[in-house]
Amino acid sequence: MNFTIDTLLTDLQNDPVFARCKDVLLPPFNALDALKVRDVHRLLPYHSNLYPEDVAACFNKLHQRIQEGTITFHHFYSDLEIQKNPRKKDVGLYFFKAQSQSKFGLICPGGGFQYVGSIHEGFPFAFELNEAGFAAFVLHYRTGSQLNAVEDLAAALTWISDHTNELDIDANGYSLWGASAGARMVALMDSYGSAYFGGKETPKAAAVIMAYTGHDDVSGHEAPTFVIVGDDDWISPPKLMKKRVDRLKAQGTPVEFKIILGVAHGFGLGRHTKAEGWIDQALLFWNRYSLK
């Protein structure tokens, strides 16, 4: 299979290799059957720095890795939980395997709680973590409510904690990654823990990576936090992010805060901008604290 910028999104979505995750592969769109990969920006209105060629390459890589069995999709809600709340049917985790007993990062893409932007800041982030030697999870959560999304994150952490042997990962020293709405989710999880949101008590993350969000709540128990935002962000300008940065610093939490010139909201990997390579810096930050 070779997806291009002229591939119809419905053809991509209906590829048999994506059958298990078909309904959570792309953000919902009323006229999806009329769109091609080159039109992907229409699915992600809260995001910038979108390159259709990169999206096509991402799907080609995802397709190959799923065929190889090194990327798998896991539903973690039980049949009874889904029966009680049918919206939990499509909640799940993409698992990007690495070498045995690798540490992992759990990634929550953004989308304003209106969609889950995995194709821009989920899968691409996970590939970067894999290339650095880490396992990665990308969470597809319920939209429409911050609380529901964070409850799904708590359930995901619970499931991962219960399946570390099966997944062959190291549960110690993991990291939480979030962008925009996803960054709010990981910040809340870091502050209050999975049990607070309906999961079981799970180990605390060694580091939290937050990209472009206005969340400023703290509890006093936060992990070392890496923060990045563009100075042209019209949704979460740097001054909003600085509120939480200042609160974290005031309580003694290690923080690295980066403001990138000329970059808008939802820049993903920052390709072809001054933000390009920021994930390498975030990985170094995580490594600094993962063994402590």
C-alpha atoms as a PDB file:
ATOM      1  CA  MET A   1       0.000   0.000   0.000  1.00  0.00           C
ATOM      2  CA  ASN A   2       1.242   3.483  -0.868  1.00  0.00           C
ATOM      3  CA  PHE A   3      -0.949   6.321   0.354  1.00  0.00           C
ATOM      4  CA  THR A   4      -0.396   9.706  -1.315  1.00  0.00           C
ATOM      5  CA  ILE A   5      -1.809  13.168  -0.855  1.00  0.00           C
ATOM      6  CA  ASP A   6      -4.416  12.232  -3.500  1.00  0.00           C
ATOM      7  CA  THR A   7      -5.655   9.151  -1.616  1.00  0.00           C
ATOM      8  CA  LEU A   8      -9.283   9.463  -0.607  1.00  0.00           C
ATOM      9  CA  LEU A   9      -9.602   9.508   3.168  1.00  0.00           C
ATOM     10  CA  THR A  10     -12.422   6.974   2.973  1.00  0.00           C
ATOM     11  CA  ASP A  11     -10.168   4.600   0.984  1.00  0.00           C
ATOM     12  CA  LEU A  12      -7.495   5.016   3.626  1.00  0.00           C
ATOM     13  CA  GLN A  13      -9.935   4.480   6.482  1.00  0.00           C
ATOM     14  CA  ASN A  14     -11.432   1.385   4.840  1.00  0.00           C
ATOM     15  CA  ASP A  15      -8.106  -0.332   4.214  1.00  0.00           C
ATOM     16  CA  PRO A  16      -8.372  -3.841   5.764  1.00  0.00           C
ATOM     17  CA  VAL A  17      -5.156  -3.329   7.758  1.00  0.00           C
ATOM     18  CA  PHE A  18      -6.893  -0.541   9.696  1.00  0.00           C
ATOM     19  CA  ALA A  19     -10.033  -2.594  10.359  1.00  0.00           C
ATOM     20  CA  ARG A  20      -9.547  -2.819  14.136  1.00  0.00           C
ATOM     21  CA  CYS A  21      -9.015   0.933  14.525  1.00  0.00           C
ATOM     22  CA  LYS A  22     -11.068   2.172  11.550  1.00  0.00           C
ATOM     23  CA  ASP A  23     -13.457   4.253  13.642  1.00  0.00           C
ATOM     24  CA  VAL A  24     -10.691   5.999  15.601  1.00  0.00           C
ATOM     25  CA  LEU A  25      -8.182   6.567  12.813  1.00  0.00           C
ATOM     26  CA  LEU A  26      -9.402   9.980  11.641  1.00  0.00           C
ATOM     27  CA  PRO A  27     -11.280  12.862  13.252  1.00  0.00           C
ATOM     28  CA  PRO A  28     -14.995  12.784  12.334  1.00  0.00           C
ATOM     29  CA  PHE A  29     -16.093  14.888   9.383  1.00  0.00           C
ATOM     30  CA  ASN A  30     -19.528  15.130   7.762  1.00  0.00           C
ATOM     31  CA  ALA A  31     -18.234  14.990   4.186  1.00  0.00           C
ATOM     32  CA  LEU A  32     -15.280  12.658   4.642  1.00  0.00           C
ATOM     33  CA  ASP A  33     -16.001  10.810   1.395  1.00  0.00           C
ATOM     34  CA  ALA A  34     -15.221  13.972  -0.573  1.00  0.00           C
ATOM     35  CA  LEU A  35     -11.816  14.596   0.991  1.00  0.00           C
ATOM     36  CA  LYS A  36      -8.313  13.472   0.109  1.00  0.00           C
ATOM     37  CA  VAL A  37      -5.206  13.383   2.278  1.00  0.00           C
ATOM     38  CA  ARG A  38      -4.305  16.808   0.851  1.00  0.00           C
ATOM     39  CA  ASP A  39      -7.456  18.159   2.575  1.00  0.00           C
ATOM     40  CA  VAL A  40      -6.493  16.898   6.032  1.00  0.00           C
ATOM     41  CA  HIS A  41      -6.344  20.445   7.447  1.00  0.00           C
ATOM     42  CA  ARG A  42     -10.135  20.534   7.248  1.00  0.00           C
ATOM     43  CA  LEU A  43     -10.311  17.755   9.845  1.00  0.00           C
ATOM     44  CA  LEU A  44      -8.037  19.578  12.307  1.00  0.00           C
ATOM     45  CA  PRO A  45      -9.211  23.220  12.605  1.00  0.00           C
ATOM     46  CA  TYR A  46      -7.337  23.813  15.879  1.00  0.00           C
ATOM     47  CA  HIS A  47      -4.009  22.752  14.402  1.00  0.00           C
ATOM     48  CA  SER A  48      -1.355  24.387  12.241  1.00  0.00           C
ATOM     49  CA  ASN A  49       1.815  23.340  10.448  1.00  0.00           C
ATOM     50  CA  LEU A  50       0.011  20.537   8.615  1.00  0.00           C
ATOM     51  CA  TYR A  51       1.801  19.014   5.621  1.00  0.00           C
ATOM     52  CA  PRO A  52      -0.220  16.483   3.585  1.00  0.00           C
ATOM     53  CA  GLU A  53       2.973  14.737   2.446  1.00  0.00           C
ATOM     54  CA  ASP A  54       3.894  14.118   6.093  1.00  0.00           C
ATOM     55  CA  VAL A  55       0.400  12.816   6.838  1.00  0.00           C
ATOM     56  CA  ALA A  56       0.577  10.387   3.892  1.00  0.00           C
ATOM     57  CA  ALA A  57       4.023   9.208   5.048  1.00  0.00           C
ATOM     58  CA  CYS A  58       2.693   8.744   8.587  1.00  0.00           C
ATOM     59  CA  PHE A  59      -0.169   6.551   7.372  1.00  0.00           C
ATOM     60  CA  ASN A  60       2.173   4.491   5.203  1.00  0.00           C
ATOM     61  CA  LYS A  61       4.403   3.864   8.194  1.00  0.00           C
ATOM     62  CA  LEU A  62       1.413   3.110  10.440  1.00  0.00           C
ATOM     63  CA  HIS A  63       0.063   0.673   7.833  1.00  0.00           C
ATOM     64  CA  GLN A  64       3.380  -1.163   7.573  1.00  0.00           C
ATOM     65  CA  ARG A  65       3.924  -1.369  11.327  1.00  0.00           C
ATOM     66  CA  ILE A  66       0.393  -2.680  11.971  1.00  0.00           C
ATOM     67  CA  GLN A  67       0.973  -5.365   9.345  1.00  0.00           C
ATOM     68  CA  GLU A  68       4.241  -6.277  11.051  1.00  0.00           C
ATOM     69  CA  GLY A  69       2.512  -6.461  14.419  1.00  0.00           C
ATOM     70  CA  THR A  70       4.708  -3.801  16.039  1.00  0.00           C
ATOM     71  CA  ILE A  71       1.750  -1.442  16.389  1.00  0.00           C
ATOM     72  CA  THR A  72      -1.421  -2.812  17.950  1.00  0.00           C
ATOM     73  CA  PHE A  73      -4.720  -1.274  19.044  1.00  0.00           C
ATOM     74  CA  HIS A  74      -6.273  -2.212  22.378  1.00  0.00           C
ATOM     75  CA  HIS A  75      -9.753  -1.590  23.736  1.00  0.00           C
ATOM     76  CA  PHE A  76      -9.508  -1.462  27.523  1.00  0.00           C
ATOM     77  CA  TYR A  77     -13.092  -0.944  28.662  1.00  0.00           C
ATOM     78  CA  SER A  78     -14.984  -4.135  29.485  1.00  0.00           C
ATOM     79  CA  ASP A  79     -18.133  -5.238  27.652  1.00  0.00           C
ATOM     80  CA  LEU A  80     -20.168  -4.335  30.732  1.00  0.00           C
ATOM     81  CA  GLU A  81     -18.677  -0.829  30.861  1.00  0.00           C
ATOM     82  CA  ILE A  82     -19.427  -0.355  27.169  1.00  0.00           C
ATOM     83  CA  GLN A  83     -22.962  -1.662  27.648  1.00  0.00           C
ATOM     84  CA  LYS A  84     -23.505   0.965  30.340  1.00  0.00           C
ATOM     85  CA  ASN A  85     -21.885   3.703  28.246  1.00  0.00           C
ATOM     86  CA  PRO A  86     -21.757   2.888  24.497  1.00  0.00           C
ATOM     87  CA  ARG A  87     -19.472   5.868  23.841  1.00  0.00           C
ATOM     88  CA  LYS A  88     -16.665   3.890  25.470  1.00  0.00           C
ATOM     89  CA  LYS A  89     -16.767   1.430  22.552  1.00  0.00           C
ATOM     90  CA  ASP A  90     -14.199   3.355  20.500  1.00  0.00           C
ATOM     91  CA  VAL A  91     -11.905   4.355  23.361  1.00  0.00           C
ATOM     92  CA  GLY A  92      -8.556   2.636  23.175  1.00  0.00           C
ATOM     93  CA  LEU A  93      -4.779   2.688  22.991  1.00  0.00           C
ATOM     94  CA  TYR A  94      -2.438   2.382  20.053  1.00  0.00           C
ATOM     95  CA  PHE A  95       0.663   0.602  21.329  1.00  0.00           C
ATOM     96  CA  PHE A  96       3.969   1.249  19.553  1.00  0.00           C
ATOM     97  CA  LYS A  97       6.279  -1.561  20.612  1.00  0.00           C
ATOM     98  CA  ALA A  98       9.986  -1.151  21.311  1.00  0.00           C
ATOM     99  CA  GLN A  99      12.641  -3.467  22.678  1.00  0.00           C
ATOM    100  CA  SER A 100      11.927  -5.636  25.696  1.00  0.00           C
ATOM    101  CA  GLN A 101      11.378  -3.737  28.955  1.00  0.00           C
ATOM    102  CA  SER A 102      11.562  -0.298  27.356  1.00  0.00           C
ATOM    103  CA  LYS A 103      10.242   2.681  29.234  1.00  0.00           C
ATOM    104  CA  PHE A 104       7.146   4.207  27.682  1.00  0.00           C
ATOM    105  CA  GLY A 105       5.498   7.515  26.967  1.00  0.00           C
ATOM    106  CA  LEU A 106       1.712   7.870  26.981  1.00  0.00           C
ATOM    107  CA  ILE A 107       0.539  10.482  24.470  1.00  0.00           C
ATOM    108  CA  CYS A 108      -2.745  12.419  24.535  1.00  0.00           C
ATOM    109  CA  PRO A 109      -3.320  14.351  21.288  1.00  0.00           C
ATOM    110  CA  GLY A 110      -5.316  17.566  21.276  1.00  0.00           C
ATOM    111  CA  GLY A 111      -8.386  18.759  19.427  1.00  0.00           C
ATOM    112  CA  GLY A 112     -10.268  21.032  21.812  1.00  0.00           C
ATOM    113  CA  PHE A 113     -12.166  17.988  23.157  1.00  0.00           C
ATOM    114  CA  GLN A 114     -14.000  18.077  19.813  1.00  0.00           C
ATOM    115  CA  TYR A 115     -11.774  15.585  18.015  1.00  0.00           C
ATOM    116  CA  VAL A 116      -8.607  13.577  18.712  1.00  0.00           C
ATOM    117  CA  GLY A 117      -5.761  14.791  16.495  1.00  0.00           C
ATOM    118  CA  SER A 118      -3.701  11.595  16.493  1.00  0.00           C
ATOM    119  CA  ILE A 119      -2.632  12.018  12.875  1.00  0.00           C
ATOM    120  CA  HIS A 120      -0.778  15.232  13.775  1.00  0.00           C
ATOM    121  CA  GLU A 121       0.406  14.970  17.374  1.00  0.00           C
ATOM    122  CA  GLY A 122      -0.220  11.365  18.314  1.00  0.00           C
ATOM    123  CA  PHE A 123       1.237   8.965  15.769  1.00  0.00           C
ATOM    124  CA  PRO A 124       4.111  11.288  14.732  1.00  0.00           C
ATOM    125  CA  PHE A 125       5.097  11.758  18.405  1.00  0.00           C
ATOM    126  CA  ALA A 126       4.958   7.999  18.993  1.00  0.00           C
ATOM    127  CA  PHE A 127       7.225   7.319  16.015  1.00  0.00           C
ATOM    128  CA  GLU A 128       9.738   9.805  17.427  1.00  0.00           C
ATOM    129  CA  LEU A 129       9.682   8.053  20.814  1.00  0.00           C
ATOM    130  CA  ASN A 130      10.125   4.674  19.108  1.00  0.00           C
ATOM    131  CA  GLU A 131      13.121   5.919  17.144  1.00  0.00           C
ATOM    132  CA  ALA A 132      14.670   7.064  20.425  1.00  0.00           C
ATOM    133  CA  GLY A 133      14.235   3.553  21.847  1.00  0.00           C
ATOM    134  CA  PHE A 134      11.043   4.019  23.866  1.00  0.00           C
ATOM    135  CA  ALA A 135       7.676   2.307  23.683  1.00  0.00           C
ATOM    136  CA  ALA A 136       4.699   4.603  23.187  1.00  0.00           C
ATOM    137  CA  PHE A 137       0.945   4.656  23.628  1.00  0.00           C
ATOM    138  CA  VAL A 138      -1.456   7.008  21.855  1.00  0.00           C
ATOM    139  CA  LEU A 139      -4.813   7.405  23.570  1.00  0.00           C
ATOM    140  CA  HIS A 140      -8.045   7.760  21.628  1.00  0.00           C
ATOM    141  CA  TYR A 141     -10.431   9.212  24.206  1.00  0.00           C
ATOM    142  CA  ARG A 142     -14.040  10.362  24.309  1.00  0.00           C
ATOM    143  CA  THR A 143     -14.599  13.902  23.070  1.00  0.00           C
ATOM    144  CA  GLY A 144     -17.125  16.511  24.188  1.00  0.00           C
ATOM    145  CA  SER A 145     -16.026  16.626  27.826  1.00  0.00           C
ATOM    146  CA  GLN A 146     -12.715  17.201  29.568  1.00  0.00           C
ATOM    147  CA  LEU A 147     -13.826  15.012  32.477  1.00  0.00           C
ATOM    148  CA  ASN A 148     -14.716  12.067  30.235  1.00  0.00           C
ATOM    149  CA  ALA A 149     -11.385  12.381  28.458  1.00  0.00           C
ATOM    150  CA  VAL A 150      -9.418  12.397  31.721  1.00  0.00           C
ATOM    151  CA  GLU A 151     -11.438   9.438  33.010  1.00  0.00           C
ATOM    152  CA  ASP A 152     -10.387   7.582  29.845  1.00  0.00           C
ATOM    153  CA  LEU A 153      -6.768   8.500  30.561  1.00  0.00           C
ATOM    154  CA  ALA A 154      -7.103   7.120  34.104  1.00  0.00           C
ATOM    155  CA  ALA A 155      -8.606   3.913  32.737  1.00  0.00           C
ATOM    156  CA  ALA A 156      -5.782   3.675  30.199  1.00  0.00           C
ATOM    157  CA  LEU A 157      -3.111   4.018  32.877  1.00  0.00           C
ATOM    158  CA  THR A 158      -4.899   1.390  34.936  1.00  0.00           C
ATOM    159  CA  TRP A 159      -4.950  -1.015  31.984  1.00  0.00           C
ATOM    160  CA  ILE A 160      -1.273  -0.405  31.207  1.00  0.00           C
ATOM    161  CA  SER A 161      -0.371  -0.978  34.865  1.00  0.00           C
ATOM    162  CA  ASP A 162      -2.276  -4.278  34.813  1.00  0.00           C
ATOM    163  CA  HIS A 163      -0.616  -5.473  31.588  1.00  0.00           C
ATOM    164  CA  THR A 164       3.038  -4.467  31.883  1.00  0.00           C
ATOM    165  CA  ASN A 165       4.234  -8.084  31.725  1.00  0.00           C
ATOM    166  CA  GLU A 166       2.116  -8.869  28.680  1.00  0.00           C
ATOM    167  CA  LEU A 167       3.222  -5.654  26.959  1.00  0.00           C
ATOM    168  CA  ASP A 168       6.854  -6.253  27.998  1.00  0.00           C
ATOM    169  CA  ILE A 169       7.428  -2.680  29.167  1.00  0.00           C
ATOM    170  CA  ASP A 170       9.073  -1.035  32.157  1.00  0.00           C
ATOM    171  CA  ALA A 171       6.353   0.654  34.212  1.00  0.00           C
ATOM    172  CA  ASN A 172       8.853   2.785  36.144  1.00  0.00           C
ATOM    173  CA  GLY A 173       9.958   6.210  34.963  1.00  0.00           C
ATOM    174  CA  TYR A 174       7.324   6.646  32.254  1.00  0.00           C
ATOM    175  CA  SER A 175       6.325  10.001  30.800  1.00  0.00           C
ATOM    176  CA  LEU A 176       3.021  11.686  30.014  1.00  0.00           C
ATOM    177  CA  TRP A 177       2.798  13.704  26.779  1.00  0.00           C
ATOM    178  CA  GLY A 178      -0.040  16.028  25.854  1.00  0.00           C
ATOM    179  CA  ALA A 179      -0.732  18.762  23.346  1.00  0.00           C
ATOM    180  CA  SER A 180      -3.455  21.403  23.675  1.00  0.00           C
ATOM    181  CA  ALA A 181      -6.497  19.614  25.174  1.00  0.00           C
ATOM    182  CA  GLY A 182      -4.274  16.566  25.667  1.00  0.00           C
ATOM    183  CA  ALA A 183      -1.855  18.661  27.704  1.00  0.00           C
ATOM    184  CA  ARG A 184      -4.703  19.620  30.042  1.00  0.00           C
ATOM    185  CA  MET A 185      -5.455  15.935  30.453  1.00  0.00           C
ATOM    186  CA  VAL A 186      -1.916  14.897  31.373  1.00  0.00           C
ATOM    187  CA  ALA A 187      -1.512  17.888  33.686  1.00  0.00           C
ATOM    188  CA  LEU A 188      -4.672  16.941  35.590  1.00  0.00           C
ATOM    189  CA  MET A 189      -3.549  13.323  35.778  1.00  0.00           C
ATOM    190  CA  ASP A 190      -0.150  14.387  37.069  1.00  0.00           C
ATOM    191  CA  SER A 191      -1.682  16.652  39.698  1.00  0.00           C
ATOM    192  CA  TYR A 192      -4.356  14.339  41.079  1.00  0.00           C
ATOM    193  CA  GLY A 193      -3.563  10.780  40.002  1.00  0.00           C
ATOM    194  CA  SER A 194      -5.545   8.074  38.243  1.00  0.00           C
ATOM    195  CA  ALA A 195      -7.544   7.003  41.326  1.00  0.00           C
ATOM    196  CA  TYR A 196      -9.039  10.518  41.569  1.00  0.00           C
ATOM    197  CA  PHE A 197     -10.545  10.044  38.091  1.00  0.00           C
ATOM    198  CA  GLY A 198     -11.953   6.563  38.594  1.00  0.00           C
ATOM    199  CA  GLY A 199      -8.954   4.358  37.869  1.00  0.00           C
ATOM    200  CA  LYS A 200      -6.814   2.513  40.342  1.00  0.00           C
ATOM    201  CA  GLU A 201      -3.753   4.032  41.994  1.00  0.00           C
ATOM    202  CA  THR A 202      -0.885   3.811  39.501  1.00  0.00           C
ATOM    203  CA  PRO A 203       2.772   4.851  39.627  1.00  0.00           C
ATOM    204  CA  LYS A 204       3.437   8.539  39.106  1.00  0.00           C
ATOM    205  CA  ALA A 205       5.022   9.744  35.873  1.00  0.00           C
ATOM    206  CA  ALA A 206       8.695  10.700  35.964  1.00  0.00           C
ATOM    207  CA  ALA A 207       8.075  13.670  33.664  1.00  0.00           C
ATOM    208  CA  VAL A 208       5.221  15.509  31.992  1.00  0.00           C
ATOM    209  CA  ILE A 209       5.527  17.071  28.532  1.00  0.00           C
ATOM    210  CA  MET A 210       2.983  19.837  27.863  1.00  0.00           C
ATOM    211  CA  ALA A 211       2.567  21.582  24.525  1.00  0.00           C
ATOM    212  CA  TYR A 212       0.483  24.711  24.005  1.00  0.00           C
ATOM    213  CA  THR A 213      -2.342  24.771  26.547  1.00  0.00           C
ATOM    214  CA  GLY A 214      -3.773  27.344  28.963  1.00  0.00           C
ATOM    215  CA  HIS A 215      -4.183  24.958  31.904  1.00  0.00           C
ATOM    216  CA  ASP A 216      -2.810  26.552  35.110  1.00  0.00           C
ATOM    217  CA  ASP A 217      -4.069  24.364  37.985  1.00  0.00           C
ATOM    218  CA  VAL A 218      -1.534  22.760  40.346  1.00  0.00           C
ATOM    219  CA  SER A 219      -1.889  20.524  43.403  1.00  0.00           C
ATOM    220  CA  GLY A 220       1.613  20.732  44.852  1.00  0.00           C
ATOM    221  CA  HIS A 221       2.574  17.195  43.795  1.00  0.00           C
ATOM    222  CA  GLU A 222       3.575  17.654  40.168  1.00  0.00           C
ATOM    223  CA  ALA A 223       6.341  15.812  38.324  1.00  0.00           C
ATOM    224  CA  PRO A 224       9.136  17.658  36.478  1.00  0.00           C
ATOM    225  CA  THR A 225       7.463  19.386  33.562  1.00  0.00           C
ATOM    226  CA  PHE A 226       8.627  20.376  30.087  1.00  0.00           C
ATOM    227  CA  VAL A 227       6.511  23.165  28.566  1.00  0.00           C
ATOM    228  CA  ILE A 228       6.525  24.490  24.995  1.00  0.00           C
ATOM    229  CA  VAL A 229       4.401  27.052  23.148  1.00  0.00           C
ATOM    230  CA  GLY A 230       4.654  29.315  20.098  1.00  0.00           C
ATOM    231  CA  ASP A 231       4.664  33.072  20.482  1.00  0.00           C
ATOM    232  CA  ASP A 232       1.974  33.335  17.763  1.00  0.00           C
ATOM    233  CA  ASP A 233      -0.407  30.983  19.572  1.00  0.00           C
ATOM    234  CA  TRP A 234      -3.848  32.603  19.444  1.00  0.00           C
ATOM    235  CA  ILE A 235      -5.520  29.933  21.592  1.00  0.00           C
ATOM    236  CA  SER A 236      -2.976  29.417  24.387  1.00  0.00           C
ATOM    237  CA  PRO A 237      -0.570  32.363  24.285  1.00  0.00           C
ATOM    238  CA  PRO A 238       2.669  32.112  26.278  1.00  0.00           C
ATOM    239  CA  LYS A 239       1.367  34.337  29.074  1.00  0.00           C
ATOM    240  CA  LEU A 240      -1.310  31.729  29.844  1.00  0.00           C
ATOM    241  CA  MET A 241       1.201  28.897  29.972  1.00  0.00           C
ATOM    242  CA  LYS A 242       3.509  31.003  32.109  1.00  0.00           C
ATOM    243  CA  LYS A 243       0.900  31.057  34.898  1.00  0.00           C
ATOM    244  CA  ARG A 244       1.306  27.352  35.520  1.00  0.00           C
ATOM    245  CA  VAL A 245       5.050  27.487  34.931  1.00  0.00           C
ATOM    246  CA  ASP A 246       5.365  30.130  37.639  1.00  0.00           C
ATOM    247  CA  ARG A 247       3.228  28.123  40.057  1.00  0.00           C
ATOM    248  CA  LEU A 248       5.260  24.982  39.437  1.00  0.00           C
ATOM    249  CA  LYS A 249       8.522  26.819  39.958  1.00  0.00           C
ATOM    250  CA  ALA A 250       7.218  28.464  43.127  1.00  0.00           C
ATOM    251  CA  GLN A 251       6.555  25.049  44.681  1.00  0.00           C
ATOM    252  CA  GLY A 252       9.974  23.745  43.652  1.00  0.00           C
ATOM    253  CA  THR A 253       8.961  21.584  40.677  1.00  0.00           C
ATOM    254  CA  PRO A 254      11.673  21.431  37.979  1.00  0.00           C
ATOM    255  CA  VAL A 255      10.391  23.121  34.825  1.00  0.00           C
ATOM    256  CA  GLU A 256      11.810  23.780  31.378  1.00  0.00           C
ATOM    257  CA  PHE A 257       9.795  26.440  29.532  1.00  0.00           C
ATOM    258  CA  LYS A 258      10.320  27.177  25.849  1.00  0.00           C
ATOM    259  CA  ILE A 259       8.663  29.891  23.770  1.00  0.00           C
ATOM    260  CA  ILE A 260       9.233  29.386  20.042  1.00  0.00           C
ATOM    261  CA  LEU A 261       9.206  32.440  17.788  1.00  0.00           C
ATOM    262  CA  GLY A 262       6.923  32.549  14.772  1.00  0.00           C
ATOM    263  CA  VAL A 263       4.929  29.419  15.633  1.00  0.00           C
ATOM    264  CA  ALA A 264       1.151  29.177  16.046  1.00  0.00           C
ATOM    265  CA  HIS A 265      -1.113  26.806  17.979  1.00  0.00           C
ATOM    266  CA  GLY A 266      -1.076  23.084  17.279  1.00  0.00           C
ATOM    267  CA  PHE A 267       2.291  22.904  15.527  1.00  0.00           C
ATOM    268  CA  GLY A 268       2.888  19.195  16.174  1.00  0.00           C
ATOM    269  CA  LEU A 269       6.490  18.213  15.480  1.00  0.00           C
ATOM    270  CA  GLY A 270       7.166  21.763  14.319  1.00  0.00           C
ATOM    271  CA  ARG A 271       8.370  20.670  10.897  1.00  0.00           C
ATOM    272  CA  HIS A 272       9.942  23.493   8.862  1.00  0.00           C
ATOM    273  CA  THR A 273       9.636  25.904  11.808  1.00  0.00           C
ATOM    274  CA  LYS A 274      11.923  27.018  14.633  1.00  0.00           C
ATOM    275  CA  ALA A 275      10.165  24.410  16.795  1.00  0.00           C
ATOM    276  CA  GLU A 276      11.518  21.506  14.744  1.00  0.00           C
ATOM    277  CA  GLY A 277      13.489  19.140  16.966  1.00  0.00           C
ATOM    278  CA  TRP A 278      11.729  20.149  20.166  1.00  0.00           C
ATOM    279  CA  ILE A 279      10.839  16.519  20.907  1.00  0.00           C
ATOM    280  CA  ASP A 280      14.551  15.697  21.168  1.00  0.00           C
ATOM    281  CA  GLN A 281      14.834  18.338  23.898  1.00  0.00           C
ATOM    282  CA  ALA A 282      11.767  16.924  25.652  1.00  0.00           C
ATOM    283  CA  LEU A 283      13.284  13.430  25.514  1.00  0.00           C
ATOM    284  CA  LEU A 284      16.472  14.709  27.131  1.00  0.00           C
ATOM    285  CA  PHE A 285      14.354  16.311  29.860  1.00  0.00           C
ATOM    286  CA  TRP A 286      12.497  13.036  30.470  1.00  0.00           C
ATOM    287  CA  ASN A 287      15.747  11.075  30.579  1.00  0.00           C
ATOM    288  CA  ARG A 288      17.084  13.443  33.211  1.00  0.00           C
ATOM    289  CA  TYR A 289      14.346  12.378  35.639  1.00  0.00           C
ATOM    290  CA  SER A 290      13.360   8.865  34.521  1.00  0.00           C
ATOM    291  CA  LEU A 291      15.971   7.138  36.653  1.00  0.00           C
ATOM    292  CA  LYS A 292      15.413   9.142  39.833  1.00  0.00           C
END
